[in-house]
Amino acid sequence: MDALLIPCFNRPEFLFHTLTNLVNTGDLDTVHVVFKPDTSPHRDIQAVIDRFKDRMPSYEVRPASAARHRLTKQSQNVLQGYQYAASLTDGLVFMVEEDIQVANDFIRYHRAVHLAEPDLFVSLSTKNHNLGHPETSGDPGAYYLSTGDFCSLGVCMKSSTIKELIAPHCNQAYYSNPIKYCRDTFPNSPIGLGYVEQDGLIRRVQEASGHATAYPHVPRAYHSGFYGYNRPKFTAGNLE
């Protein structure tokens, strides 16, 4: 059985819609769902999970480990979630954060791409926010291959990719000083040192691996999180 990792923290209202859309895929009975709440999650996170427990045949809630470094607290939780999810399967690991809204064929689409591209590093779901892509197709099954452009938005990787390529970098040297670690470990990377959280780390790993990313021409997810831990804590006007 494949695994589906859902990191979550302090936005239960987003998590509710994320789970609603995941249930609507009709494929949650084919994955083991791992919820990975970050340290001191909002009290309603568990309440939202409980509302969906009868529609998730296989799931668990895995608490965060104590984080010694504030800068990498969220990254540590996500990376350790990846490692744990990968330990449960020899197949695929999906990762959907609490504010990612997926299409009905999200899981089926990723499985088809990995079947067609067995050497893939990762398949992604949203528009390419790093490089863009000048040519698009309306074919819902179409995808294109790229490199150096990982983003942490609706992710699907083989468990072996996590175990062999990503896990070796999930260490205290990275957690204690991610800027120094990324600079020293990936000295030739063109990625700026302003991008060293877990998605920046994985982007460097992908770049160094030589294995491609795959992006859909027709996105299978979008990022709905207009606020969060690293965004303003308030809204105004009509949005409020």
C-alpha atoms as a PDB file:
ATOM      1  CA  MET A   1       0.000   0.000   0.000  1.00  0.00           C
ATOM      2  CA  ASP A   2       1.261   3.503  -0.814  1.00  0.00           C
ATOM      3  CA  ALA A   3       1.530   6.178   1.888  1.00  0.00           C
ATOM      4  CA  LEU A   4       0.056   9.696   2.025  1.00  0.00           C
ATOM      5  CA  LEU A   5       1.783  12.194   4.321  1.00  0.00           C
ATOM      6  CA  ILE A   6      -0.221  15.200   5.554  1.00  0.00           C
ATOM      7  CA  PRO A   7       1.821  17.718   7.585  1.00  0.00           C
ATOM      8  CA  CYS A   8      -0.473  20.063   9.510  1.00  0.00           C
ATOM      9  CA  PHE A   9      -0.186  22.713  12.180  1.00  0.00           C
ATOM     10  CA  ASN A  10      -2.504  25.622  12.854  1.00  0.00           C
ATOM     11  CA  ARG A  11      -5.033  25.873  10.050  1.00  0.00           C
ATOM     12  CA  PRO A  12      -7.808  23.358  10.775  1.00  0.00           C
ATOM     13  CA  GLU A  13     -10.178  25.165   8.390  1.00  0.00           C
ATOM     14  CA  PHE A  14      -7.792  24.529   5.483  1.00  0.00           C
ATOM     15  CA  LEU A  15      -7.241  20.930   6.601  1.00  0.00           C
ATOM     16  CA  PHE A  16     -10.998  20.365   6.492  1.00  0.00           C
ATOM     17  CA  HIS A  17     -11.162  21.340   2.805  1.00  0.00           C
ATOM     18  CA  THR A  18      -7.968  19.438   1.998  1.00  0.00           C
ATOM     19  CA  LEU A  19      -9.422  16.253   3.469  1.00  0.00           C
ATOM     20  CA  THR A  20     -12.753  16.847   1.750  1.00  0.00           C
ATOM     21  CA  ASN A  21     -10.988  16.946  -1.609  1.00  0.00           C
ATOM     22  CA  LEU A  22      -8.833  13.927  -0.808  1.00  0.00           C
ATOM     23  CA  VAL A  23     -11.932  11.934   0.140  1.00  0.00           C
ATOM     24  CA  ASN A  24     -13.502  12.984  -3.160  1.00  0.00           C
ATOM     25  CA  THR A  25     -10.683  11.294  -5.091  1.00  0.00           C
ATOM     26  CA  GLY A  26     -12.237   7.966  -4.124  1.00  0.00           C
ATOM     27  CA  ASP A  27      -8.738   6.576  -3.641  1.00  0.00           C
ATOM     28  CA  LEU A  28      -8.089   6.916   0.103  1.00  0.00           C
ATOM     29  CA  ASP A  29      -8.724   3.202   0.508  1.00  0.00           C
ATOM     30  CA  THR A  30      -5.534   2.583  -1.499  1.00  0.00           C
ATOM     31  CA  VAL A  31      -3.183   4.574   0.763  1.00  0.00           C
ATOM     32  CA  HIS A  32      -2.164   4.650   4.421  1.00  0.00           C
ATOM     33  CA  VAL A  33      -2.600   8.246   5.618  1.00  0.00           C
ATOM     34  CA  VAL A  34       0.013   9.651   8.016  1.00  0.00           C
ATOM     35  CA  PHE A  35      -0.931  12.913   9.702  1.00  0.00           C
ATOM     36  CA  LYS A  36       2.148  14.763  10.976  1.00  0.00           C
ATOM     37  CA  PRO A  37       1.055  17.690  13.174  1.00  0.00           C
ATOM     38  CA  ASP A  38       3.852  20.123  13.943  1.00  0.00           C
ATOM     39  CA  THR A  39       4.782  21.031  17.529  1.00  0.00           C
ATOM     40  CA  SER A  40       1.840  22.458  19.557  1.00  0.00           C
ATOM     41  CA  PRO A  41      -0.770  22.166  16.806  1.00  0.00           C
ATOM     42  CA  HIS A  42      -4.068  24.024  16.901  1.00  0.00           C
ATOM     43  CA  ARG A  43      -6.504  22.198  19.181  1.00  0.00           C
ATOM     44  CA  ASP A  44      -8.995  21.725  16.335  1.00  0.00           C
ATOM     45  CA  ILE A  45      -6.579  19.797  14.103  1.00  0.00           C
ATOM     46  CA  GLN A  46      -7.443  16.524  15.837  1.00  0.00           C
ATOM     47  CA  ALA A  47     -11.149  17.381  15.747  1.00  0.00           C
ATOM     48  CA  VAL A  48     -10.982  17.778  11.961  1.00  0.00           C
ATOM     49  CA  ILE A  49      -9.127  14.479  11.585  1.00  0.00           C
ATOM     50  CA  ASP A  50     -11.757  12.788  13.735  1.00  0.00           C
ATOM     51  CA  ARG A  51     -14.530  14.066  11.437  1.00  0.00           C
ATOM     52  CA  PHE A  52     -12.990  12.107   8.560  1.00  0.00           C
ATOM     53  CA  LYS A  53     -11.901   8.955  10.387  1.00  0.00           C
ATOM     54  CA  ASP A  54     -14.753   6.846   8.987  1.00  0.00           C
ATOM     55  CA  ARG A  55     -13.688   7.783   5.431  1.00  0.00           C
ATOM     56  CA  MET A  56     -10.022   6.873   5.862  1.00  0.00           C
ATOM     57  CA  PRO A  57      -9.726   3.078   6.115  1.00  0.00           C
ATOM     58  CA  SER A  58      -6.060   3.254   7.165  1.00  0.00           C
ATOM     59  CA  TYR A  59      -4.554   6.220   8.978  1.00  0.00           C
ATOM     60  CA  GLU A  60      -2.529   7.339  11.984  1.00  0.00           C
ATOM     61  CA  VAL A  61      -1.499  10.560  13.688  1.00  0.00           C
ATOM     62  CA  ARG A  62       2.240  10.775  14.305  1.00  0.00           C
ATOM     63  CA  PRO A  63       3.294  13.541  16.727  1.00  0.00           C
ATOM     64  CA  ALA A  64       6.247  15.799  16.008  1.00  0.00           C
ATOM     65  CA  SER A  65       9.614  15.175  17.614  1.00  0.00           C
ATOM     66  CA  ALA A  66      11.040  17.945  19.778  1.00  0.00           C
ATOM     67  CA  ALA A  67      12.735  20.547  17.587  1.00  0.00           C
ATOM     68  CA  ARG A  68      15.905  22.123  18.991  1.00  0.00           C
ATOM     69  CA  HIS A  69      16.198  24.737  16.236  1.00  0.00           C
ATOM     70  CA  ARG A  70      13.422  27.220  15.543  1.00  0.00           C
ATOM     71  CA  LEU A  71      14.498  27.950  11.966  1.00  0.00           C
ATOM     72  CA  THR A  72      14.083  24.333  10.882  1.00  0.00           C
ATOM     73  CA  LYS A  73      11.191  23.283  13.142  1.00  0.00           C
ATOM     74  CA  GLN A  74       8.709  22.977  10.284  1.00  0.00           C
ATOM     75  CA  SER A  75      11.294  21.453   7.954  1.00  0.00           C
ATOM     76  CA  GLN A  76      12.227  18.834  10.542  1.00  0.00           C
ATOM     77  CA  ASN A  77       8.606  17.816  10.967  1.00  0.00           C
ATOM     78  CA  VAL A  78       8.057  17.445   7.221  1.00  0.00           C
ATOM     79  CA  LEU A  79      11.339  15.634   6.576  1.00  0.00           C
ATOM     80  CA  GLN A  80      10.807  13.228   9.445  1.00  0.00           C
ATOM     81  CA  GLY A  81       7.303  12.667   8.115  1.00  0.00           C
ATOM     82  CA  TYR A  82       8.739  11.755   4.722  1.00  0.00           C
ATOM     83  CA  GLN A  83      11.166   9.330   6.348  1.00  0.00           C
ATOM     84  CA  TYR A  84       8.473   7.662   8.423  1.00  0.00           C
ATOM     85  CA  ALA A  85       6.028   7.381   5.511  1.00  0.00           C
ATOM     86  CA  ALA A  86       8.777   5.882   3.333  1.00  0.00           C
ATOM     87  CA  SER A  87       9.497   3.272   6.012  1.00  0.00           C
ATOM     88  CA  LEU A  88       5.928   1.987   5.662  1.00  0.00           C
ATOM     89  CA  THR A  89       5.964   1.195   1.952  1.00  0.00           C
ATOM     90  CA  ASP A  90       8.100   0.063  -0.954  1.00  0.00           C
ATOM     91  CA  GLY A  91       5.780   1.978  -3.259  1.00  0.00           C
ATOM     92  CA  LEU A  92       4.922   5.665  -3.532  1.00  0.00           C
ATOM     93  CA  VAL A  93       4.781   8.403  -0.915  1.00  0.00           C
ATOM     94  CA  PHE A  94       2.363  11.251  -1.562  1.00  0.00           C
ATOM     95  CA  MET A  95       2.697  14.494   0.400  1.00  0.00           C
ATOM     96  CA  VAL A  96      -0.156  16.998   0.696  1.00  0.00           C
ATOM     97  CA  GLU A  97       0.186  19.846   3.178  1.00  0.00           C
ATOM     98  CA  GLU A  98      -2.858  21.135   5.040  1.00  0.00           C
ATOM     99  CA  ASP A  99      -3.551  23.905   2.520  1.00  0.00           C
ATOM    100  CA  ILE A 100      -3.187  22.005  -0.765  1.00  0.00           C
ATOM    101  CA  GLN A 101      -6.433  21.350  -2.610  1.00  0.00           C
ATOM    102  CA  VAL A 102      -6.269  18.384  -4.983  1.00  0.00           C
ATOM    103  CA  ALA A 103      -8.223  17.290  -8.049  1.00  0.00           C
ATOM    104  CA  ASN A 104     -10.299  14.121  -8.099  1.00  0.00           C
ATOM    105  CA  ASP A 105      -7.680  12.210 -10.114  1.00  0.00           C
ATOM    106  CA  PHE A 106      -4.710  13.392  -7.999  1.00  0.00           C
ATOM    107  CA  ILE A 107      -3.607   9.942  -6.804  1.00  0.00           C
ATOM    108  CA  ARG A 108      -4.372   8.148 -10.082  1.00  0.00           C
ATOM    109  CA  TYR A 109      -2.514  10.786 -12.102  1.00  0.00           C
ATOM    110  CA  HIS A 110       0.680  10.479 -10.059  1.00  0.00           C
ATOM    111  CA  ARG A 111       0.636   6.699 -10.216  1.00  0.00           C
ATOM    112  CA  ALA A 112       0.320   6.842 -14.002  1.00  0.00           C
ATOM    113  CA  VAL A 113       3.246   9.269 -14.317  1.00  0.00           C
ATOM    114  CA  HIS A 114       5.544   7.134 -12.152  1.00  0.00           C
ATOM    115  CA  LEU A 115       4.552   4.034 -14.094  1.00  0.00           C
ATOM    116  CA  ALA A 116       5.467   5.816 -17.332  1.00  0.00           C
ATOM    117  CA  GLU A 117       8.683   7.339 -15.894  1.00  0.00           C
ATOM    118  CA  PRO A 118      10.331   4.747 -13.610  1.00  0.00           C
ATOM    119  CA  ASP A 119      13.514   6.839 -13.145  1.00  0.00           C
ATOM    120  CA  LEU A 120      11.640   9.946 -12.020  1.00  0.00           C
ATOM    121  CA  PHE A 121      12.789  11.832  -8.925  1.00  0.00           C
ATOM    122  CA  VAL A 122       9.353  13.296  -8.215  1.00  0.00           C
ATOM    123  CA  SER A 123       6.038  14.104  -9.830  1.00  0.00           C
ATOM    124  CA  LEU A 124       4.383  17.380  -8.856  1.00  0.00           C
ATOM    125  CA  SER A 125       0.837  18.688  -9.048  1.00  0.00           C
ATOM    126  CA  THR A 126       0.709  22.448  -9.394  1.00  0.00           C
ATOM    127  CA  LYS A 127       1.913  24.909 -11.967  1.00  0.00           C
ATOM    128  CA  ASN A 128       5.696  25.229 -12.064  1.00  0.00           C
ATOM    129  CA  HIS A 129       6.375  28.135  -9.696  1.00  0.00           C
ATOM    130  CA  ASN A 130      10.140  28.032 -10.110  1.00  0.00           C
ATOM    131  CA  LEU A 131      10.682  28.080 -13.860  1.00  0.00           C
ATOM    132  CA  GLY A 132       7.297  28.206 -15.507  1.00  0.00           C
ATOM    133  CA  HIS A 133       6.798  26.441 -18.817  1.00  0.00           C
ATOM    134  CA  PRO A 134       6.221  28.211 -22.114  1.00  0.00           C
ATOM    135  CA  GLU A 135       4.350  25.405 -23.863  1.00  0.00           C
ATOM    136  CA  THR A 136       1.177  23.998 -22.389  1.00  0.00           C
ATOM    137  CA  SER A 137      -1.258  21.367 -23.543  1.00  0.00           C
ATOM    138  CA  GLY A 138      -4.915  20.932 -22.727  1.00  0.00           C
ATOM    139  CA  ASP A 139      -4.459  17.167 -22.632  1.00  0.00           C
ATOM    140  CA  PRO A 140      -5.272  16.192 -19.028  1.00  0.00           C
ATOM    141  CA  GLY A 141      -2.817  13.286 -19.208  1.00  0.00           C
ATOM    142  CA  ALA A 142       0.092  15.348 -20.515  1.00  0.00           C
ATOM    143  CA  TYR A 143       3.149  16.151 -18.437  1.00  0.00           C
ATOM    144  CA  TYR A 144       6.637  17.489 -19.074  1.00  0.00           C
ATOM    145  CA  LEU A 145      10.012  16.715 -17.517  1.00  0.00           C
ATOM    146  CA  SER A 146      12.274  19.324 -15.980  1.00  0.00           C
ATOM    147  CA  THR A 147      15.004  19.748 -13.359  1.00  0.00           C
ATOM    148  CA  GLY A 148      15.998  22.143 -10.577  1.00  0.00           C
ATOM    149  CA  ASP A 149      12.423  23.144  -9.888  1.00  0.00           C
ATOM    150  CA  PHE A 150      11.002  21.097  -7.016  1.00  0.00           C
ATOM    151  CA  CYS A 151       8.196  22.693  -4.992  1.00  0.00           C
ATOM    152  CA  SER A 152       6.499  21.275  -1.924  1.00  0.00           C
ATOM    153  CA  LEU A 153       2.981  21.412  -3.370  1.00  0.00           C
ATOM    154  CA  GLY A 154       1.232  18.104  -3.988  1.00  0.00           C
ATOM    155  CA  VAL A 155       4.243  15.782  -4.104  1.00  0.00           C
ATOM    156  CA  CYS A 156       4.670  12.138  -5.112  1.00  0.00           C
ATOM    157  CA  MET A 157       7.974  10.249  -4.814  1.00  0.00           C
ATOM    158  CA  LYS A 158       9.048   6.642  -4.699  1.00  0.00           C
ATOM    159  CA  SER A 159       9.887   5.566  -1.164  1.00  0.00           C
ATOM    160  CA  SER A 160      13.337   4.575  -2.419  1.00  0.00           C
ATOM    161  CA  THR A 161      14.002   8.186  -3.491  1.00  0.00           C
ATOM    162  CA  ILE A 162      13.344   9.342   0.058  1.00  0.00           C
ATOM    163  CA  LYS A 163      15.393   6.567   1.670  1.00  0.00           C
ATOM    164  CA  GLU A 164      18.391   6.763  -0.654  1.00  0.00           C
ATOM    165  CA  LEU A 165      18.610  10.411  -1.723  1.00  0.00           C
ATOM    166  CA  ILE A 166      16.795  12.610   0.803  1.00  0.00           C
ATOM    167  CA  ALA A 167      17.147  10.833   4.159  1.00  0.00           C
ATOM    168  CA  PRO A 168      20.971  11.173   4.301  1.00  0.00           C
ATOM    169  CA  HIS A 169      20.512  14.960   4.497  1.00  0.00           C
ATOM    170  CA  CYS A 170      17.962  14.804   7.332  1.00  0.00           C
ATOM    171  CA  ASN A 171      20.536  15.255  10.063  1.00  0.00           C
ATOM    172  CA  GLN A 172      21.493  17.588  12.894  1.00  0.00           C
ATOM    173  CA  ALA A 173      24.048  19.399  10.756  1.00  0.00           C
ATOM    174  CA  TYR A 174      21.229  20.508   8.468  1.00  0.00           C
ATOM    175  CA  TYR A 175      18.734  21.200  11.261  1.00  0.00           C
ATOM    176  CA  SER A 176      21.213  23.282  13.278  1.00  0.00           C
ATOM    177  CA  ASN A 177      22.465  25.448  10.402  1.00  0.00           C
ATOM    178  CA  PRO A 178      20.614  24.911   7.113  1.00  0.00           C
ATOM    179  CA  ILE A 179      22.337  27.800   5.336  1.00  0.00           C
ATOM    180  CA  LYS A 180      25.820  26.473   6.067  1.00  0.00           C
ATOM    181  CA  TYR A 181      24.751  22.909   5.295  1.00  0.00           C
ATOM    182  CA  CYS A 182      23.276  23.782   1.904  1.00  0.00           C
ATOM    183  CA  ARG A 183      26.249  25.992   1.027  1.00  0.00           C
ATOM    184  CA  ASP A 184      28.826  23.354   1.983  1.00  0.00           C
ATOM    185  CA  THR A 185      26.992  20.276   0.692  1.00  0.00           C
ATOM    186  CA  PHE A 186      25.807  21.760  -2.605  1.00  0.00           C
ATOM    187  CA  PRO A 187      28.532  24.335  -3.404  1.00  0.00           C
ATOM    188  CA  ASN A 188      27.757  24.446  -7.121  1.00  0.00           C
ATOM    189  CA  SER A 189      24.011  24.854  -6.818  1.00  0.00           C
ATOM    190  CA  PRO A 190      22.609  28.053  -8.377  1.00  0.00           C
ATOM    191  CA  ILE A 191      19.761  28.051  -5.833  1.00  0.00           C
ATOM    192  CA  GLY A 192      20.046  31.060  -3.514  1.00  0.00           C
ATOM    193  CA  LEU A 193      20.713  30.652   0.184  1.00  0.00           C
ATOM    194  CA  GLY A 194      17.404  32.312   0.918  1.00  0.00           C
ATOM    195  CA  TYR A 195      15.872  28.941   0.059  1.00  0.00           C
ATOM    196  CA  VAL A 196      17.114  26.413   2.587  1.00  0.00           C
ATOM    197  CA  GLU A 197      13.967  25.035   4.213  1.00  0.00           C
ATOM    198  CA  GLN A 198      12.900  21.481   3.396  1.00  0.00           C
ATOM    199  CA  ASP A 199      11.701  22.316  -0.111  1.00  0.00           C
ATOM    200  CA  GLY A 200      14.959  24.141  -0.893  1.00  0.00           C
ATOM    201  CA  LEU A 201      16.952  21.195   0.442  1.00  0.00           C
ATOM    202  CA  ILE A 202      14.979  18.696  -1.649  1.00  0.00           C
ATOM    203  CA  ARG A 203      15.297  20.953  -4.683  1.00  0.00           C
ATOM    204  CA  ARG A 204      19.090  20.780  -4.333  1.00  0.00           C
ATOM    205  CA  VAL A 205      18.994  17.009  -3.875  1.00  0.00           C
ATOM    206  CA  GLN A 206      16.941  16.672  -7.056  1.00  0.00           C
ATOM    207  CA  GLU A 207      19.285  18.942  -8.961  1.00  0.00           C
ATOM    208  CA  ALA A 208      22.304  16.864  -7.899  1.00  0.00           C
ATOM    209  CA  SER A 209      20.601  13.508  -8.529  1.00  0.00           C
ATOM    210  CA  GLY A 210      20.247  13.782 -12.289  1.00  0.00           C
ATOM    211  CA  HIS A 211      16.680  12.436 -12.070  1.00  0.00           C
ATOM    212  CA  ALA A 212      13.914  14.598 -13.501  1.00  0.00           C
ATOM    213  CA  THR A 213      10.829  16.213 -12.041  1.00  0.00           C
ATOM    214  CA  ALA A 214       7.479  15.872 -13.814  1.00  0.00           C
ATOM    215  CA  TYR A 215       4.885  18.638 -13.945  1.00  0.00           C
ATOM    216  CA  PRO A 216       1.360  18.326 -15.364  1.00  0.00           C
ATOM    217  CA  HIS A 217       0.187  20.548 -18.194  1.00  0.00           C
ATOM    218  CA  VAL A 218      -3.192  20.567 -16.435  1.00  0.00           C
ATOM    219  CA  PRO A 219      -2.525  21.151 -12.694  1.00  0.00           C
ATOM    220  CA  ARG A 220      -3.826  18.532 -10.260  1.00  0.00           C
ATOM    221  CA  ALA A 221      -3.680  20.795  -7.190  1.00  0.00           C
ATOM    222  CA  TYR A 222      -3.420  24.381  -6.052  1.00  0.00           C
ATOM    223  CA  HIS A 223      -2.051  26.142  -2.999  1.00  0.00           C
ATOM    224  CA  SER A 224      -4.912  27.761  -1.100  1.00  0.00           C
ATOM    225  CA  GLY A 225      -2.933  28.966   1.939  1.00  0.00           C
ATOM    226  CA  PHE A 226      -3.183  32.731   1.780  1.00  0.00           C
ATOM    227  CA  TYR A 227      -1.997  32.871   5.397  1.00  0.00           C
ATOM    228  CA  GLY A 228       0.142  30.629   7.561  1.00  0.00           C
ATOM    229  CA  TYR A 229       3.150  30.451   9.855  1.00  0.00           C
ATOM    230  CA  ASN A 230       5.324  32.480   7.479  1.00  0.00           C
ATOM    231  CA  ARG A 231       2.575  34.776   6.194  1.00  0.00           C
ATOM    232  CA  PRO A 232       0.548  37.585   7.811  1.00  0.00           C
ATOM    233  CA  LYS A 233      -1.578  36.473  10.739  1.00  0.00           C
ATOM    234  CA  PHE A 234      -4.540  38.613   9.750  1.00  0.00           C
ATOM    235  CA  THR A 235      -6.739  39.490   6.803  1.00  0.00           C
ATOM    236  CA  ALA A 236      -8.561  42.696   6.034  1.00  0.00           C
ATOM    237  CA  GLY A 237     -11.498  44.097   4.097  1.00  0.00           C
ATOM    238  CA  ASN A 238     -13.804  41.751   2.207  1.00  0.00           C
ATOM    239  CA  LEU A 239     -11.361  38.853   2.589  1.00  0.00           C
ATOM    240  CA  GLU A 240     -11.709  39.086   6.375  1.00  0.00           C
END
